[in-house]
Amino acid sequence: MVTPLKTLMGFSVHLNVQLKFYNLPNIKKQAIWLKYALKYISQQYEFRKISLIGHSNGGLIITYALEHNLTSHYLTVQKVMTIAAPYNLNDSSVRSETELLENLIANRKYIPNSIDMYSLAGTQSYSNDGLVPLYSVLAGRYIYQKQVKHYTQITVSGVGAEHSDLPQNQQIIMAIEQYIEK
């Protein structure tokens, strides 16, 4: 679900899509829907700058969309925050890359270099958030680091660090307020 939220900067779009399995055709389709939705609301509400927040596969959808011409003459993405995005799917190895991660790394050059990027991870056991391995989230650095203007990685733990609880986690909410809505 895409919901525009009025912020000091204009609009933020929060995309929360949780899929129990990876499906590239579905990610591609939803990235196209995101592009059309953003074009529509940017014209409807007359704004040109936007910040995006994606939880779980929502982060993958935003990343894929950025790599495949989400931005254009009608819209500039200023900030992106992904929360528990499984860039390397369920692979917890630091030595292997899934086909998805390889694809996202190969297309990173198309991500606009003017973006401030924040990648947030949650951990219950310092290895995962109950669903997504910590390394899978951290693998986002291979996509965004040295490609965007600023890249920041934040890991939260403790109460509310379970995958499905992260969008309501107080530390995550504070990060959104501090980095996205300022």
C-alpha atoms as a PDB file:
ATOM      1  CA  MET A   1       0.000   0.000   0.000  1.00  0.00           C
ATOM      2  CA  VAL A   2       1.368   3.429  -0.923  1.00  0.00           C
ATOM      3  CA  THR A   3       0.348   6.239   1.411  1.00  0.00           C
ATOM      4  CA  PRO A   4       1.445   9.844   0.935  1.00  0.00           C
ATOM      5  CA  LEU A   5       2.262  11.522   4.247  1.00  0.00           C
ATOM      6  CA  LYS A   6       2.682  15.285   4.413  1.00  0.00           C
ATOM      7  CA  THR A   7       6.100  16.179   5.823  1.00  0.00           C
ATOM      8  CA  LEU A   8       8.142  19.321   6.134  1.00  0.00           C
ATOM      9  CA  MET A   9       9.831  18.494   2.821  1.00  0.00           C
ATOM     10  CA  GLY A  10       6.697  17.703   0.872  1.00  0.00           C
ATOM     11  CA  PHE A  11       5.710  14.073   0.755  1.00  0.00           C
ATOM     12  CA  SER A  12       7.093  10.801   1.990  1.00  0.00           C
ATOM     13  CA  VAL A  13       5.850   7.509   0.657  1.00  0.00           C
ATOM     14  CA  HIS A  14       5.832   4.567   3.030  1.00  0.00           C
ATOM     15  CA  LEU A  15       5.785   1.246   1.226  1.00  0.00           C
ATOM     16  CA  ASN A  16       5.227  -1.804   3.413  1.00  0.00           C
ATOM     17  CA  VAL A  17       5.220  -4.989   1.390  1.00  0.00           C
ATOM     18  CA  GLN A  18       6.003  -8.261   3.096  1.00  0.00           C
ATOM     19  CA  LEU A  19       6.192 -11.344   0.960  1.00  0.00           C
ATOM     20  CA  LYS A  20       7.057 -14.724   2.400  1.00  0.00           C
ATOM     21  CA  PHE A  21       9.101 -15.605  -0.675  1.00  0.00           C
ATOM     22  CA  TYR A  22      11.113 -13.818  -3.330  1.00  0.00           C
ATOM     23  CA  ASN A  23       9.516 -13.353  -6.712  1.00  0.00           C
ATOM     24  CA  LEU A  24      11.400 -11.109  -9.164  1.00  0.00           C
ATOM     25  CA  PRO A  25       8.482 -10.743 -11.608  1.00  0.00           C
ATOM     26  CA  ASN A  26       6.346  -9.571  -8.677  1.00  0.00           C
ATOM     27  CA  ILE A  27       9.040  -7.101  -7.544  1.00  0.00           C
ATOM     28  CA  LYS A  28       9.307  -5.741 -11.105  1.00  0.00           C
ATOM     29  CA  LYS A  29       5.538  -5.396 -11.401  1.00  0.00           C
ATOM     30  CA  GLN A  30       5.239  -3.600  -8.078  1.00  0.00           C
ATOM     31  CA  ALA A  31       8.139  -1.287  -8.999  1.00  0.00           C
ATOM     32  CA  ILE A  32       6.200  -0.284 -12.128  1.00  0.00           C
ATOM     33  CA  TRP A  33       3.065   0.291 -10.011  1.00  0.00           C
ATOM     34  CA  LEU A  34       5.134   2.424  -7.635  1.00  0.00           C
ATOM     35  CA  LYS A  35       6.394   4.520 -10.521  1.00  0.00           C
ATOM     36  CA  TYR A  36       2.855   5.111 -11.828  1.00  0.00           C
ATOM     37  CA  ALA A  37       1.496   5.853  -8.347  1.00  0.00           C
ATOM     38  CA  LEU A  38       4.263   8.357  -7.650  1.00  0.00           C
ATOM     39  CA  LYS A  39       3.785  10.043 -11.011  1.00  0.00           C
ATOM     40  CA  TYR A  40       0.061  10.370 -10.337  1.00  0.00           C
ATOM     41  CA  ILE A  41       0.340  11.739  -6.802  1.00  0.00           C
ATOM     42  CA  SER A  42       3.211  14.085  -7.712  1.00  0.00           C
ATOM     43  CA  GLN A  43       1.025  15.614 -10.428  1.00  0.00           C
ATOM     44  CA  GLN A  44      -2.122  15.579  -8.287  1.00  0.00           C
ATOM     45  CA  TYR A  45      -0.438  17.288  -5.309  1.00  0.00           C
ATOM     46  CA  GLU A  46       2.097  19.274  -7.352  1.00  0.00           C
ATOM     47  CA  PHE A  47       5.360  18.236  -5.762  1.00  0.00           C
ATOM     48  CA  ARG A  48       8.645  17.311  -7.372  1.00  0.00           C
ATOM     49  CA  LYS A  49      10.750  16.058  -4.458  1.00  0.00           C
ATOM     50  CA  ILE A  50      10.047  12.932  -2.441  1.00  0.00           C
ATOM     51  CA  SER A  51      11.435  10.626   0.244  1.00  0.00           C
ATOM     52  CA  LEU A  52      10.702   6.897   0.176  1.00  0.00           C
ATOM     53  CA  ILE A  53      10.503   4.360   2.995  1.00  0.00           C
ATOM     54  CA  GLY A  54      10.245   0.639   2.257  1.00  0.00           C
ATOM     55  CA  HIS A  55       9.873  -2.214   4.732  1.00  0.00           C
ATOM     56  CA  SER A  56      10.937  -5.746   3.819  1.00  0.00           C
ATOM     57  CA  ASN A  57      10.290  -6.371   0.126  1.00  0.00           C
ATOM     58  CA  GLY A  58       9.144  -2.745  -0.067  1.00  0.00           C
ATOM     59  CA  GLY A  59      12.861  -1.888   0.154  1.00  0.00           C
ATOM     60  CA  LEU A  60      13.593  -4.240  -2.744  1.00  0.00           C
ATOM     61  CA  ILE A  61      10.801  -2.666  -4.790  1.00  0.00           C
ATOM     62  CA  ILE A  62      12.155   0.839  -4.168  1.00  0.00           C
ATOM     63  CA  THR A  63      15.700  -0.274  -5.029  1.00  0.00           C
ATOM     64  CA  TYR A  64      14.563  -1.991  -8.231  1.00  0.00           C
ATOM     65  CA  ALA A  65      12.487   1.057  -9.171  1.00  0.00           C
ATOM     66  CA  LEU A  66      15.436   3.403  -8.592  1.00  0.00           C
ATOM     67  CA  GLU A  67      17.594   1.222 -10.835  1.00  0.00           C
ATOM     68  CA  HIS A  68      14.929   1.238 -13.546  1.00  0.00           C
ATOM     69  CA  ASN A  69      14.063   4.905 -14.053  1.00  0.00           C
ATOM     70  CA  LEU A  70      11.822   5.725 -11.110  1.00  0.00           C
ATOM     71  CA  THR A  71      13.089   9.285 -11.205  1.00  0.00           C
ATOM     72  CA  SER A  72      12.454  11.491 -14.186  1.00  0.00           C
ATOM     73  CA  HIS A  73      11.751  15.076 -15.092  1.00  0.00           C
ATOM     74  CA  TYR A  74       8.630  15.039 -12.886  1.00  0.00           C
ATOM     75  CA  LEU A  75      10.118  13.613  -9.676  1.00  0.00           C
ATOM     76  CA  THR A  76      13.356  13.698  -7.670  1.00  0.00           C
ATOM     77  CA  VAL A  77      13.952  11.170  -4.901  1.00  0.00           C
ATOM     78  CA  GLN A  78      15.904  12.925  -2.157  1.00  0.00           C
ATOM     79  CA  LYS A  79      15.983  10.323   0.610  1.00  0.00           C
ATOM     80  CA  VAL A  80      15.422   6.580   0.829  1.00  0.00           C
ATOM     81  CA  MET A  81      15.055   4.470   3.953  1.00  0.00           C
ATOM     82  CA  THR A  82      14.779   0.713   3.774  1.00  0.00           C
ATOM     83  CA  ILE A  83      13.820  -1.286   6.839  1.00  0.00           C
ATOM     84  CA  ALA A  84      14.801  -4.977   6.976  1.00  0.00           C
ATOM     85  CA  ALA A  85      15.112  -5.209   3.192  1.00  0.00           C
ATOM     86  CA  PRO A  86      16.323  -8.729   2.296  1.00  0.00           C
ATOM     87  CA  TYR A  87      18.850  -7.729  -0.383  1.00  0.00           C
ATOM     88  CA  ASN A  88      20.437 -11.187  -0.221  1.00  0.00           C
ATOM     89  CA  LEU A  89      17.126 -12.946   0.464  1.00  0.00           C
ATOM     90  CA  ASN A  90      17.398 -15.566   3.218  1.00  0.00           C
ATOM     91  CA  ASP A  91      21.118 -16.136   2.688  1.00  0.00           C
ATOM     92  CA  SER A  92      23.030 -15.387   5.880  1.00  0.00           C
ATOM     93  CA  SER A  93      26.462 -16.105   4.406  1.00  0.00           C
ATOM     94  CA  VAL A  94      28.899 -13.242   3.978  1.00  0.00           C
ATOM     95  CA  ARG A  95      30.591 -15.116   1.146  1.00  0.00           C
ATOM     96  CA  SER A  96      27.750 -15.758  -1.272  1.00  0.00           C
ATOM     97  CA  GLU A  97      25.483 -13.553  -3.320  1.00  0.00           C
ATOM     98  CA  THR A  98      22.047 -14.598  -4.497  1.00  0.00           C
ATOM     99  CA  GLU A  99      20.943 -13.902  -8.044  1.00  0.00           C
ATOM    100  CA  LEU A 100      18.860 -10.996  -6.732  1.00  0.00           C
ATOM    101  CA  LEU A 101      21.813  -9.331  -4.997  1.00  0.00           C
ATOM    102  CA  GLU A 102      24.037  -9.840  -8.059  1.00  0.00           C
ATOM    103  CA  ASN A 103      21.334  -8.213 -10.227  1.00  0.00           C
ATOM    104  CA  LEU A 104      20.908  -5.240  -7.871  1.00  0.00           C
ATOM    105  CA  ILE A 105      24.689  -4.711  -7.642  1.00  0.00           C
ATOM    106  CA  ALA A 106      25.021  -4.892 -11.441  1.00  0.00           C
ATOM    107  CA  ASN A 107      22.402  -2.144 -11.890  1.00  0.00           C
ATOM    108  CA  ARG A 108      23.479   0.121  -9.015  1.00  0.00           C
ATOM    109  CA  LYS A 109      25.011   2.607 -11.471  1.00  0.00           C
ATOM    110  CA  TYR A 110      21.486   3.700 -12.433  1.00  0.00           C
ATOM    111  CA  ILE A 111      20.592   4.802  -8.894  1.00  0.00           C
ATOM    112  CA  PRO A 112      20.765   8.607  -8.726  1.00  0.00           C
ATOM    113  CA  ASN A 113      23.900   9.735  -6.873  1.00  0.00           C
ATOM    114  CA  SER A 114      22.051  12.618  -5.180  1.00  0.00           C
ATOM    115  CA  ILE A 115      20.150  10.379  -2.731  1.00  0.00           C
ATOM    116  CA  ASP A 116      20.648  10.172   1.035  1.00  0.00           C
ATOM    117  CA  MET A 117      20.184   6.470   1.850  1.00  0.00           C
ATOM    118  CA  TYR A 118      19.451   4.881   5.235  1.00  0.00           C
ATOM    119  CA  SER A 119      19.364   1.110   5.598  1.00  0.00           C
ATOM    120  CA  LEU A 120      17.885  -0.119   8.884  1.00  0.00           C
ATOM    121  CA  ALA A 121      18.095  -3.645  10.245  1.00  0.00           C
ATOM    122  CA  GLY A 122      16.599  -5.300  13.281  1.00  0.00           C
ATOM    123  CA  THR A 123      18.125  -8.112  15.280  1.00  0.00           C
ATOM    124  CA  GLN A 124      16.734 -10.392  17.914  1.00  0.00           C
ATOM    125  CA  SER A 125      19.759 -12.646  18.073  1.00  0.00           C
ATOM    126  CA  TYR A 126      22.424 -10.541  16.329  1.00  0.00           C
ATOM    127  CA  SER A 127      22.003 -12.820  13.327  1.00  0.00           C
ATOM    128  CA  ASN A 128      18.430 -12.059  12.173  1.00  0.00           C
ATOM    129  CA  ASP A 129      15.168 -10.313  13.002  1.00  0.00           C
ATOM    130  CA  GLY A 130      13.245 -13.578  13.158  1.00  0.00           C
ATOM    131  CA  LEU A 131      12.824 -13.656   9.363  1.00  0.00           C
ATOM    132  CA  VAL A 132      15.535 -11.760   7.479  1.00  0.00           C
ATOM    133  CA  PRO A 133      19.210 -12.520   8.181  1.00  0.00           C
ATOM    134  CA  LEU A 134      21.170  -9.481   9.357  1.00  0.00           C
ATOM    135  CA  TYR A 135      23.781 -10.024   6.639  1.00  0.00           C
ATOM    136  CA  SER A 136      21.060  -9.917   3.990  1.00  0.00           C
ATOM    137  CA  VAL A 137      20.098  -6.409   5.124  1.00  0.00           C
ATOM    138  CA  LEU A 138      23.734  -5.333   5.469  1.00  0.00           C
ATOM    139  CA  ALA A 139      24.362  -6.471   1.883  1.00  0.00           C
ATOM    140  CA  GLY A 140      22.525  -3.313   0.806  1.00  0.00           C
ATOM    141  CA  ARG A 141      25.838  -1.525   1.243  1.00  0.00           C
ATOM    142  CA  TYR A 142      27.128  -3.247  -1.907  1.00  0.00           C
ATOM    143  CA  ILE A 143      24.282  -1.618  -3.828  1.00  0.00           C
ATOM    144  CA  TYR A 144      24.179   1.871  -2.324  1.00  0.00           C
ATOM    145  CA  GLN A 145      27.558   2.653  -0.736  1.00  0.00           C
ATOM    146  CA  LYS A 146      29.764   4.798  -3.008  1.00  0.00           C
ATOM    147  CA  GLN A 147      26.808   5.197  -5.369  1.00  0.00           C
ATOM    148  CA  VAL A 148      24.584   7.620  -3.453  1.00  0.00           C
ATOM    149  CA  LYS A 149      25.444  10.934  -1.798  1.00  0.00           C
ATOM    150  CA  HIS A 150      25.300   9.484   1.746  1.00  0.00           C
ATOM    151  CA  TYR A 151      24.848   5.921   2.949  1.00  0.00           C
ATOM    152  CA  THR A 152      24.050   5.139   6.587  1.00  0.00           C
ATOM    153  CA  GLN A 153      23.501   1.691   8.131  1.00  0.00           C
ATOM    154  CA  ILE A 154      21.607   1.457  11.439  1.00  0.00           C
ATOM    155  CA  THR A 155      20.883  -1.717  13.414  1.00  0.00           C
ATOM    156  CA  VAL A 156      18.284  -1.817  16.180  1.00  0.00           C
ATOM    157  CA  SER A 157      17.861  -4.590  18.725  1.00  0.00           C
ATOM    158  CA  GLY A 158      15.817  -5.384  21.769  1.00  0.00           C
ATOM    159  CA  VAL A 159      12.056  -5.262  22.242  1.00  0.00           C
ATOM    160  CA  GLY A 160      10.226  -4.708  18.959  1.00  0.00           C
ATOM    161  CA  ALA A 161      13.153  -5.757  16.754  1.00  0.00           C
ATOM    162  CA  GLU A 162      11.215  -8.654  15.220  1.00  0.00           C
ATOM    163  CA  HIS A 163      10.725  -8.298  11.473  1.00  0.00           C
ATOM    164  CA  SER A 164       7.003  -7.560  11.471  1.00  0.00           C
ATOM    165  CA  ASP A 165       7.329  -5.215  14.491  1.00  0.00           C
ATOM    166  CA  LEU A 166      10.026  -3.005  12.975  1.00  0.00           C
ATOM    167  CA  PRO A 167       7.720  -0.406  11.342  1.00  0.00           C
ATOM    168  CA  GLN A 168       6.282   0.343  14.812  1.00  0.00           C
ATOM    169  CA  ASN A 169       9.613   0.113  16.664  1.00  0.00           C
ATOM    170  CA  GLN A 170      10.348   3.348  18.603  1.00  0.00           C
ATOM    171  CA  GLN A 171      13.969   3.421  17.420  1.00  0.00           C
ATOM    172  CA  ILE A 172      12.836   3.100  13.797  1.00  0.00           C
ATOM    173  CA  ILE A 173      10.198   5.809  14.258  1.00  0.00           C
ATOM    174  CA  MET A 174      12.841   8.109  15.753  1.00  0.00           C
ATOM    175  CA  ALA A 175      15.149   7.403  12.785  1.00  0.00           C
ATOM    176  CA  ILE A 176      12.334   8.266  10.363  1.00  0.00           C
ATOM    177  CA  GLU A 177      11.677  11.519  12.207  1.00  0.00           C
ATOM    178  CA  GLN A 178      15.362  12.388  12.417  1.00  0.00           C
ATOM    179  CA  TYR A 179      16.519  11.461   8.916  1.00  0.00           C
ATOM    180  CA  ILE A 180      13.504  11.430   6.611  1.00  0.00           C
ATOM    181  CA  GLU A 181      11.041  13.959   7.947  1.00  0.00           C
ATOM    182  CA  LYS A 182      13.540  16.679   8.908  1.00  0.00           C
END
